[in-house]
Amino acid sequence: MLEMALEDERRRLTPERFEALMRALSSATGTEALIALFDIVRTSPENARSTVIEIADALMDRFLGADSG
């Protein structure tokens, strides 16, 4: 699903960097990330959601530049 969502950005990255972005986003936004936020940090669903969005935004900035989103 991430790959489809970012298909338009693929041309801006080498294949290796695109794969690295997919791995980073998958690990930072997947179920395990939410479980850690709920079970370990004990945060609310609203805070977990905003945290995941902030992390995804930071990753997009890192890989595609601050004007990516």
PDB file of N, CA and C in Angstrom:
ATOM      1  N   MET A   1       0.815  -1.179   0.000  1.00  0.00           N
ATOM      2  CA  MET A   1       0.000   0.000   0.000  1.00  0.00           C
ATOM      3  C   MET A   1       0.874   1.265   0.000  1.00  0.00           C
ATOM      4  N   LEU A   2       1.938   1.280   0.799  1.00  0.00           N
ATOM      5  CA  LEU A   2       2.836   2.425   0.806  1.00  0.00           C
ATOM      6  C   LEU A   2       3.462   2.651  -0.560  1.00  0.00           C
ATOM      7  N   GLU A   3       3.851   1.561  -1.181  1.00  0.00           N
ATOM      8  CA  GLU A   3       4.493   1.671  -2.486  1.00  0.00           C
ATOM      9  C   GLU A   3       3.562   2.325  -3.505  1.00  0.00           C
ATOM     10  N   MET A   4       2.301   1.945  -3.479  1.00  0.00           N
ATOM     11  CA  MET A   4       1.329   2.549  -4.389  1.00  0.00           C
ATOM     12  C   MET A   4       1.136   4.029  -4.066  1.00  0.00           C
ATOM     13  N   ALA A   5       1.074   4.363  -2.791  1.00  0.00           N
ATOM     14  CA  ALA A   5       0.865   5.750  -2.377  1.00  0.00           C
ATOM     15  C   ALA A   5       2.033   6.643  -2.784  1.00  0.00           C
ATOM     16  N   LEU A   6       3.217   6.086  -2.855  1.00  0.00           N
ATOM     17  CA  LEU A   6       4.411   6.874  -3.160  1.00  0.00           C
ATOM     18  C   LEU A   6       4.932   6.661  -4.582  1.00  0.00           C
ATOM     19  N   GLU A   7       4.129   6.057  -5.421  1.00  0.00           N
ATOM     20  CA  GLU A   7       4.575   5.756  -6.781  1.00  0.00           C
ATOM     21  C   GLU A   7       5.056   7.008  -7.518  1.00  0.00           C
ATOM     22  N   ASP A   8       4.397   8.131  -7.330  1.00  0.00           N
ATOM     23  CA  ASP A   8       4.797   9.361  -8.019  1.00  0.00           C
ATOM     24  C   ASP A   8       6.155   9.882  -7.539  1.00  0.00           C
ATOM     25  N   GLU A   9       6.539   9.520  -6.325  1.00  0.00           N
ATOM     26  CA  GLU A   9       7.816   9.972  -5.775  1.00  0.00           C
ATOM     27  C   GLU A   9       8.977   9.045  -6.132  1.00  0.00           C
ATOM     28  N   ARG A  10       8.666   7.870  -6.622  1.00  0.00           N
ATOM     29  CA  ARG A  10       9.691   6.865  -6.918  1.00  0.00           C
ATOM     30  C   ARG A  10      10.787   7.405  -7.831  1.00  0.00           C
ATOM     31  N   ARG A  11      10.417   8.196  -8.814  1.00  0.00           N
ATOM     32  CA  ARG A  11      11.380   8.712  -9.798  1.00  0.00           C
ATOM     33  C   ARG A  11      12.404   9.657  -9.178  1.00  0.00           C
ATOM     34  N   ARG A  12      12.089  10.200  -8.009  1.00  0.00           N
ATOM     35  CA  ARG A  12      12.999  11.134  -7.345  1.00  0.00           C
ATOM     36  C   ARG A  12      14.120  10.429  -6.584  1.00  0.00           C
ATOM     37  N   LEU A  13      14.006   9.125  -6.422  1.00  0.00           N
ATOM     38  CA  LEU A  13      14.973   8.365  -5.631  1.00  0.00           C
ATOM     39  C   LEU A  13      15.579   7.238  -6.456  1.00  0.00           C
ATOM     40  N   THR A  14      16.778   6.834  -6.076  1.00  0.00           N
ATOM     41  CA  THR A  14      17.334   5.623  -6.670  1.00  0.00           C
ATOM     42  C   THR A  14      16.505   4.440  -6.168  1.00  0.00           C
ATOM     43  N   PRO A  15      16.557   3.323  -6.840  1.00  0.00           N
ATOM     44  CA  PRO A  15      15.821   2.153  -6.351  1.00  0.00           C
ATOM     45  C   PRO A  15      16.204   1.774  -4.917  1.00  0.00           C
ATOM     46  N   GLU A  16      17.479   1.910  -4.596  1.00  0.00           N
ATOM     47  CA  GLU A  16      17.930   1.561  -3.247  1.00  0.00           C
ATOM     48  C   GLU A  16      17.341   2.509  -2.202  1.00  0.00           C
ATOM     49  N   ARG A  17      17.326   3.801  -2.510  1.00  0.00           N
ATOM     50  CA  ARG A  17      16.769   4.786  -1.571  1.00  0.00           C
ATOM     51  C   ARG A  17      15.259   4.617  -1.441  1.00  0.00           C
ATOM     52  N   PHE A  18      14.593   4.292  -2.543  1.00  0.00           N
ATOM     53  CA  PHE A  18      13.145   4.067  -2.480  1.00  0.00           C
ATOM     54  C   PHE A  18      12.838   2.872  -1.580  1.00  0.00           C
ATOM     55  N   GLU A  19      13.594   1.806  -1.734  1.00  0.00           N
ATOM     56  CA  GLU A  19      13.409   0.631  -0.873  1.00  0.00           C
ATOM     57  C   GLU A  19      13.694   0.972   0.593  1.00  0.00           C
ATOM     58  N   ALA A  20      14.713   1.785   0.834  1.00  0.00           N
ATOM     59  CA  ALA A  20      15.021   2.199   2.200  1.00  0.00           C
ATOM     60  C   ALA A  20      13.871   3.025   2.778  1.00  0.00           C
ATOM     61  N   LEU A  21      13.291   3.887   1.970  1.00  0.00           N
ATOM     62  CA  LEU A  21      12.136   4.666   2.422  1.00  0.00           C
ATOM     63  C   LEU A  21      10.963   3.746   2.744  1.00  0.00           C
ATOM     64  N   MET A  22      10.719   2.764   1.913  1.00  0.00           N
ATOM     65  CA  MET A  22       9.631   1.815   2.168  1.00  0.00           C
ATOM     66  C   MET A  22       9.852   1.054   3.481  1.00  0.00           C
ATOM     67  N   ARG A  23      11.087   0.623   3.721  1.00  0.00           N
ATOM     68  CA  ARG A  23      11.394  -0.087   4.968  1.00  0.00           C
ATOM     69  C   ARG A  23      11.193   0.816   6.175  1.00  0.00           C
ATOM     70  N   ALA A  24      11.687   2.048   6.067  1.00  0.00           N
ATOM     71  CA  ALA A  24      11.570   2.983   7.189  1.00  0.00           C
ATOM     72  C   ALA A  24      10.112   3.304   7.492  1.00  0.00           C
ATOM     73  N   LEU A  25       9.342   3.616   6.466  1.00  0.00           N
ATOM     74  CA  LEU A  25       7.927   3.920   6.690  1.00  0.00           C
ATOM     75  C   LEU A  25       7.161   2.710   7.205  1.00  0.00           C
ATOM     76  N   SER A  26       7.470   1.546   6.683  1.00  0.00           N
ATOM     77  CA  SER A  26       6.778   0.336   7.137  1.00  0.00           C
ATOM     78  C   SER A  26       7.040   0.053   8.606  1.00  0.00           C
ATOM     79  N   SER A  27       8.286   0.220   9.023  1.00  0.00           N
ATOM     80  CA  SER A  27       8.605  -0.070  10.422  1.00  0.00           C
ATOM     81  C   SER A  27       8.082   1.010  11.360  1.00  0.00           C
ATOM     82  N   ALA A  28       8.000   2.250  10.889  1.00  0.00           N
ATOM     83  CA  ALA A  28       7.573   3.350  11.747  1.00  0.00           C
ATOM     84  C   ALA A  28       6.064   3.533  11.796  1.00  0.00           C
ATOM     85  N   THR A  29       5.352   2.982  10.838  1.00  0.00           N
ATOM     86  CA  THR A  29       3.908   3.205  10.787  1.00  0.00           C
ATOM     87  C   THR A  29       3.093   1.920  10.891  1.00  0.00           C
ATOM     88  N   GLY A  30       3.766   0.810  11.029  1.00  0.00           N
ATOM     89  CA  GLY A  30       3.066  -0.470  11.066  1.00  0.00           C
ATOM     90  C   GLY A  30       2.437  -0.774  12.413  1.00  0.00           C
ATOM     91  N   THR A  31       1.827  -1.911  12.480  1.00  0.00           N
ATOM     92  CA  THR A  31       1.134  -2.357  13.684  1.00  0.00           C
ATOM     93  C   THR A  31       2.048  -2.391  14.894  1.00  0.00           C
ATOM     94  N   GLU A  32       3.277  -2.849  14.699  1.00  0.00           N
ATOM     95  CA  GLU A  32       4.204  -2.946  15.829  1.00  0.00           C
ATOM     96  C   GLU A  32       4.488  -1.582  16.442  1.00  0.00           C
ATOM     97  N   ALA A  33       4.570  -0.555  15.607  1.00  0.00           N
ATOM     98  CA  ALA A  33       4.797   0.798  16.122  1.00  0.00           C
ATOM     99  C   ALA A  33       3.634   1.235  17.005  1.00  0.00           C
ATOM    100  N   LEU A  34       2.432   0.951  16.567  1.00  0.00           N
ATOM    101  CA  LEU A  34       1.252   1.314  17.366  1.00  0.00           C
ATOM    102  C   LEU A  34       1.187   0.507  18.659  1.00  0.00           C
ATOM    103  N   ILE A  35       1.517  -0.762  18.588  1.00  0.00           N
ATOM    104  CA  ILE A  35       1.521  -1.596  19.796  1.00  0.00           C
ATOM    105  C   ILE A  35       2.518  -1.045  20.799  1.00  0.00           C
ATOM    106  N   ALA A  36       3.697  -0.650  20.332  1.00  0.00           N
ATOM    107  CA  ALA A  36       4.692  -0.071  21.237  1.00  0.00           C
ATOM    108  C   ALA A  36       4.169   1.212  21.871  1.00  0.00           C
ATOM    109  N   LEU A  37       3.530   2.044  21.092  1.00  0.00           N
ATOM    110  CA  LEU A  37       2.991   3.290  21.641  1.00  0.00           C
ATOM    111  C   LEU A  37       1.890   3.026  22.667  1.00  0.00           C
ATOM    112  N   PHE A  38       1.039   2.065  22.384  1.00  0.00           N
ATOM    113  CA  PHE A  38      -0.048   1.746  23.323  1.00  0.00           C
ATOM    114  C   PHE A  38       0.465   1.014  24.559  1.00  0.00           C
ATOM    115  N   ASP A  39       1.235  -0.043  24.357  1.00  0.00           N
ATOM    116  CA  ASP A  39       1.609  -0.930  25.459  1.00  0.00           C
ATOM    117  C   ASP A  39       2.817  -0.463  26.256  1.00  0.00           C
ATOM    118  N   ILE A  40       3.789   0.121  25.608  1.00  0.00           N
ATOM    119  CA  ILE A  40       5.008   0.519  26.308  1.00  0.00           C
ATOM    120  C   ILE A  40       4.916   1.969  26.784  1.00  0.00           C
ATOM    121  N   VAL A  41       4.511   2.858  25.894  1.00  0.00           N
ATOM    122  CA  VAL A  41       4.431   4.271  26.237  1.00  0.00           C
ATOM    123  C   VAL A  41       3.114   4.602  26.945  1.00  0.00           C
ATOM    124  N   ARG A  42       2.114   3.753  26.735  1.00  0.00           N
ATOM    125  CA  ARG A  42       0.790   3.952  27.345  1.00  0.00           C
ATOM    126  C   ARG A  42       0.138   5.260  26.907  1.00  0.00           C
ATOM    127  N   THR A  43       0.218   5.533  25.620  1.00  0.00           N
ATOM    128  CA  THR A  43      -0.369   6.758  25.098  1.00  0.00           C
ATOM    129  C   THR A  43      -1.777   6.501  24.573  1.00  0.00           C
ATOM    130  N   SER A  44      -2.511   7.544  24.371  1.00  0.00           N
ATOM    131  CA  SER A  44      -3.881   7.442  23.862  1.00  0.00           C
ATOM    132  C   SER A  44      -3.858   7.169  22.360  1.00  0.00           C
ATOM    133  N   PRO A  45      -4.953   6.680  21.814  1.00  0.00           N
ATOM    134  CA  PRO A  45      -5.018   6.482  20.358  1.00  0.00           C
ATOM    135  C   PRO A  45      -4.762   7.772  19.578  1.00  0.00           C
ATOM    136  N   GLU A  46      -5.253   8.895  20.082  1.00  0.00           N
ATOM    137  CA  GLU A  46      -5.038  10.172  19.394  1.00  0.00           C
ATOM    138  C   GLU A  46      -3.555  10.546  19.379  1.00  0.00           C
ATOM    139  N   ASN A  47      -2.884  10.371  20.519  1.00  0.00           N
ATOM    140  CA  ASN A  47      -1.455  10.671  20.581  1.00  0.00           C
ATOM    141  C   ASN A  47      -0.640   9.695  19.742  1.00  0.00           C
ATOM    142  N   ALA A  48      -1.031   8.437  19.734  1.00  0.00           N
ATOM    143  CA  ALA A  48      -0.332   7.446  18.910  1.00  0.00           C
ATOM    144  C   ALA A  48      -0.442   7.818  17.441  1.00  0.00           C
ATOM    145  N   ARG A  49      -1.632   8.178  17.020  1.00  0.00           N
ATOM    146  CA  ARG A  49      -1.848   8.560  15.626  1.00  0.00           C
ATOM    147  C   ARG A  49      -1.004   9.777  15.267  1.00  0.00           C
ATOM    148  N   SER A  50      -1.006  10.803  16.091  1.00  0.00           N
ATOM    149  CA  SER A  50      -0.237  12.004  15.776  1.00  0.00           C
ATOM    150  C   SER A  50       1.271  11.718  15.787  1.00  0.00           C
ATOM    151  N   THR A  51       1.706  10.837  16.669  1.00  0.00           N
ATOM    152  CA  THR A  51       3.122  10.467  16.711  1.00  0.00           C
ATOM    153  C   THR A  51       3.535   9.757  15.432  1.00  0.00           C
ATOM    154  N   VAL A  52       2.726   8.814  14.971  1.00  0.00           N
ATOM    155  CA  VAL A  52       3.028   8.088  13.739  1.00  0.00           C
ATOM    156  C   VAL A  52       3.063   9.053  12.552  1.00  0.00           C
ATOM    157  N   ILE A  53       2.147  10.004  12.518  1.00  0.00           N
ATOM    158  CA  ILE A  53       2.135  10.993  11.435  1.00  0.00           C
ATOM    159  C   ILE A  53       3.395  11.847  11.479  1.00  0.00           C
ATOM    160  N   GLU A  54       3.805  12.269  12.670  1.00  0.00           N
ATOM    161  CA  GLU A  54       5.025  13.074  12.799  1.00  0.00           C
ATOM    162  C   GLU A  54       6.251  12.305  12.329  1.00  0.00           C
ATOM    163  N   ILE A  55       6.323  11.031  12.678  1.00  0.00           N
ATOM    164  CA  ILE A  55       7.455  10.204  12.248  1.00  0.00           C
ATOM    165  C   ILE A  55       7.447  10.035  10.737  1.00  0.00           C
ATOM    166  N   ALA A  56       6.284   9.754  10.160  1.00  0.00           N
ATOM    167  CA  ALA A  56       6.192   9.601   8.708  1.00  0.00           C
ATOM    168  C   ALA A  56       6.584  10.890   8.001  1.00  0.00           C
ATOM    169  N   ASP A  57       6.124  12.028   8.516  1.00  0.00           N
ATOM    170  CA  ASP A  57       6.512  13.315   7.934  1.00  0.00           C
ATOM    171  C   ASP A  57       8.025  13.523   7.988  1.00  0.00           C
ATOM    172  N   ALA A  58       8.630  13.186   9.115  1.00  0.00           N
ATOM    173  CA  ALA A  58      10.077  13.340   9.259  1.00  0.00           C
ATOM    174  C   ALA A  58      10.828  12.441   8.271  1.00  0.00           C
ATOM    175  N   LEU A  59      10.355  11.228   8.091  1.00  0.00           N
ATOM    176  CA  LEU A  59      10.993  10.319   7.135  1.00  0.00           C
ATOM    177  C   LEU A  59      10.857  10.837   5.712  1.00  0.00           C
ATOM    178  N   MET A  60       9.685  11.335   5.362  1.00  0.00           N
ATOM    179  CA  MET A  60       9.487  11.881   4.025  1.00  0.00           C
ATOM    180  C   MET A  60      10.412  13.079   3.800  1.00  0.00           C
ATOM    181  N   ASP A  61      10.532  13.947   4.815  1.00  0.00           N
ATOM    182  CA  ASP A  61      11.454  15.079   4.705  1.00  0.00           C
ATOM    183  C   ASP A  61      12.882  14.601   4.509  1.00  0.00           C
ATOM    184  N   ARG A  62      13.258  13.591   5.248  1.00  0.00           N
ATOM    185  CA  ARG A  62      14.632  13.074   5.166  1.00  0.00           C
ATOM    186  C   ARG A  62      14.940  12.507   3.784  1.00  0.00           C
ATOM    187  N   PHE A  63      14.017  11.732   3.240  1.00  0.00           N
ATOM    188  CA  PHE A  63      14.264  11.065   1.975  1.00  0.00           C
ATOM    189  C   PHE A  63      13.957  11.927   0.756  1.00  0.00           C
ATOM    190  N   LEU A  64      12.961  12.808   0.866  1.00  0.00           N
ATOM    191  CA  LEU A  64      12.503  13.554  -0.309  1.00  0.00           C
ATOM    192  C   LEU A  64      12.700  15.056  -0.202  1.00  0.00           C
ATOM    193  N   GLY A  65      13.079  15.532   0.970  1.00  0.00           N
ATOM    194  CA  GLY A  65      13.265  16.963   1.164  1.00  0.00           C
ATOM    195  C   GLY A  65      12.090  17.577   1.904  1.00  0.00           C
ATOM    196  N   ALA A  66      12.333  18.695   2.527  1.00  0.00           N
ATOM    197  CA  ALA A  66      11.327  19.333   3.369  1.00  0.00           C
ATOM    198  C   ALA A  66      10.108  19.800   2.592  1.00  0.00           C
ATOM    199  N   ASP A  67      10.216  19.948   1.286  1.00  0.00           N
ATOM    200  CA  ASP A  67       9.068  20.381   0.492  1.00  0.00           C
ATOM    201  C   ASP A  67       8.238  19.222  -0.040  1.00  0.00           C
ATOM    202  N   SER A  68       8.453  18.019   0.512  1.00  0.00           N
ATOM    203  CA  SER A  68       7.770  16.820   0.003  1.00  0.00           C
ATOM    204  C   SER A  68       6.314  16.736   0.406  1.00  0.00           C
ATOM    205  N   GLY A  69       5.913  17.406   1.440  1.00  0.00           N
ATOM    206  CA  GLY A  69       4.554  17.215   1.896  1.00  0.00           C
ATOM    207  C   GLY A  69       3.877  18.464   2.216  1.00  0.00           C
TER     208      GLY A  69
END
